[in-house]
Amino acid sequence: MFGYVKRAHSRADGAAIRQAIITAVKFEDATFEHFNWIGDFWECVVRAVARAAAQYPDFLDTTYRDARNNVAYYYK
């Protein structure tokens, strides 16, 4: 993954790229950790991503949308 990001952002510092990858993985882990299947399935998905987003607020809205779809896909 590092190589892909480095090619896309050739001027970025290697340490910054590593930290961005680590943060993205932690955000994804948090979405699954916060999932609790109580109530409507989609509301559970939205709640899990919202809680993870509160911990990691610096992502784009499209990232949170994609995270909701990802969680829904894996828990279907």
C-alpha atoms as a PDB file:
ATOM      1  CA  MET A   1       0.000   0.000   0.000  1.00  0.00           C
ATOM      2  CA  PHE A   2       2.860   2.316   0.813  1.00  0.00           C
ATOM      3  CA  GLY A   3       4.139   2.074  -2.751  1.00  0.00           C
ATOM      4  CA  TYR A   4       0.752   2.972  -4.244  1.00  0.00           C
ATOM      5  CA  VAL A   5       0.359   6.019  -2.045  1.00  0.00           C
ATOM      6  CA  LYS A   6       3.959   7.109  -2.598  1.00  0.00           C
ATOM      7  CA  ARG A   7       3.487   6.948  -6.374  1.00  0.00           C
ATOM      8  CA  ALA A   8       0.275   8.954  -6.129  1.00  0.00           C
ATOM      9  CA  HIS A   9       1.838  11.524  -3.768  1.00  0.00           C
ATOM     10  CA  SER A  10       5.504  11.490  -4.695  1.00  0.00           C
ATOM     11  CA  ARG A  11       6.316  14.629  -2.690  1.00  0.00           C
ATOM     12  CA  ALA A  12       4.812  13.293   0.542  1.00  0.00           C
ATOM     13  CA  ASP A  13       7.102  12.334   3.381  1.00  0.00           C
ATOM     14  CA  GLY A  14       7.423   8.587   3.957  1.00  0.00           C
ATOM     15  CA  ALA A  15       6.618   8.924   7.654  1.00  0.00           C
ATOM     16  CA  ALA A  16       3.443  10.873   6.850  1.00  0.00           C
ATOM     17  CA  ILE A  17       2.353   8.189   4.405  1.00  0.00           C
ATOM     18  CA  ARG A  18       2.938   5.455   6.965  1.00  0.00           C
ATOM     19  CA  GLN A  19       0.965   7.395   9.578  1.00  0.00           C
ATOM     20  CA  ALA A  20      -1.914   7.926   7.127  1.00  0.00           C
ATOM     21  CA  ILE A  21      -2.064   4.204   6.382  1.00  0.00           C
ATOM     22  CA  ILE A  22      -1.993   3.340  10.083  1.00  0.00           C
ATOM     23  CA  THR A  23      -4.780   5.832  10.805  1.00  0.00           C
ATOM     24  CA  ALA A  24      -6.913   4.453   7.969  1.00  0.00           C
ATOM     25  CA  VAL A  25      -6.520   0.904   9.281  1.00  0.00           C
ATOM     26  CA  LYS A  26      -7.376   2.006  12.824  1.00  0.00           C
ATOM     27  CA  PHE A  27     -10.487   3.777  11.524  1.00  0.00           C
ATOM     28  CA  GLU A  28     -11.591   0.656   9.673  1.00  0.00           C
ATOM     29  CA  ASP A  29     -11.012  -1.479  12.782  1.00  0.00           C
ATOM     30  CA  ALA A  30     -13.051   0.985  14.847  1.00  0.00           C
ATOM     31  CA  THR A  31     -16.025   0.712  12.479  1.00  0.00           C
ATOM     32  CA  PHE A  32     -16.193  -3.025  13.083  1.00  0.00           C
ATOM     33  CA  GLU A  33     -15.513  -2.743  16.826  1.00  0.00           C
ATOM     34  CA  HIS A  34     -18.444  -0.348  17.235  1.00  0.00           C
ATOM     35  CA  PHE A  35     -20.880  -2.502  15.299  1.00  0.00           C
ATOM     36  CA  ASN A  36     -23.581  -3.829  17.607  1.00  0.00           C
ATOM     37  CA  TRP A  37     -26.455  -5.683  15.984  1.00  0.00           C
ATOM     38  CA  ILE A  38     -29.323  -4.337  18.077  1.00  0.00           C
ATOM     39  CA  GLY A  39     -32.239  -2.982  16.063  1.00  0.00           C
ATOM     40  CA  ASP A  40     -32.478  -2.168  12.387  1.00  0.00           C
ATOM     41  CA  PHE A  41     -29.458  -3.433  10.431  1.00  0.00           C
ATOM     42  CA  TRP A  42     -28.743  -0.207   8.519  1.00  0.00           C
ATOM     43  CA  GLU A  43     -29.125   1.910  11.671  1.00  0.00           C
ATOM     44  CA  CYS A  44     -26.549  -0.354  13.343  1.00  0.00           C
ATOM     45  CA  VAL A  45     -24.174   0.210  10.436  1.00  0.00           C
ATOM     46  CA  VAL A  46     -24.672   3.981  10.468  1.00  0.00           C
ATOM     47  CA  ARG A  47     -24.225   4.109  14.261  1.00  0.00           C
ATOM     48  CA  ALA A  48     -20.986   2.093  14.110  1.00  0.00           C
ATOM     49  CA  VAL A  49     -19.458   4.326  11.458  1.00  0.00           C
ATOM     50  CA  ALA A  50     -20.629   7.480  13.245  1.00  0.00           C
ATOM     51  CA  ARG A  51     -18.925   6.351  16.451  1.00  0.00           C
ATOM     52  CA  ALA A  52     -15.726   5.559  14.547  1.00  0.00           C
ATOM     53  CA  ALA A  53     -15.983   8.907  12.738  1.00  0.00           C
ATOM     54  CA  ALA A  54     -16.117  10.667  16.100  1.00  0.00           C
ATOM     55  CA  GLN A  55     -12.749   9.083  16.913  1.00  0.00           C
ATOM     56  CA  TYR A  56     -11.327   9.820  13.446  1.00  0.00           C
ATOM     57  CA  PRO A  57     -12.974  13.064  12.264  1.00  0.00           C
ATOM     58  CA  ASP A  58     -10.487  14.073   9.563  1.00  0.00           C
ATOM     59  CA  PHE A  59     -11.681  11.842   6.724  1.00  0.00           C
ATOM     60  CA  LEU A  60     -13.817  12.957   3.794  1.00  0.00           C
ATOM     61  CA  ASP A  61     -17.577  12.361   3.801  1.00  0.00           C
ATOM     62  CA  THR A  62     -17.099   9.922   0.937  1.00  0.00           C
ATOM     63  CA  THR A  63     -14.803   7.856   3.160  1.00  0.00           C
ATOM     64  CA  TYR A  64     -17.528   7.556   5.781  1.00  0.00           C
ATOM     65  CA  ARG A  65     -20.066   6.632   3.091  1.00  0.00           C
ATOM     66  CA  ASP A  66     -17.744   3.948   1.766  1.00  0.00           C
ATOM     67  CA  ALA A  67     -17.127   2.706   5.315  1.00  0.00           C
ATOM     68  CA  ARG A  68     -20.889   2.300   5.860  1.00  0.00           C
ATOM     69  CA  ASN A  69     -21.138   0.289   2.657  1.00  0.00           C
ATOM     70  CA  ASN A  70     -18.108  -1.789   3.643  1.00  0.00           C
ATOM     71  CA  VAL A  71     -19.485  -2.622   7.094  1.00  0.00           C
ATOM     72  CA  ALA A  72     -22.888  -3.469   5.612  1.00  0.00           C
ATOM     73  CA  TYR A  73     -21.273  -5.738   3.035  1.00  0.00           C
ATOM     74  CA  TYR A  74     -19.229  -7.695   5.581  1.00  0.00           C
ATOM     75  CA  TYR A  75     -22.096  -8.075   8.070  1.00  0.00           C
ATOM     76  CA  LYS A  76     -24.792  -8.958   5.530  1.00  0.00           C
END
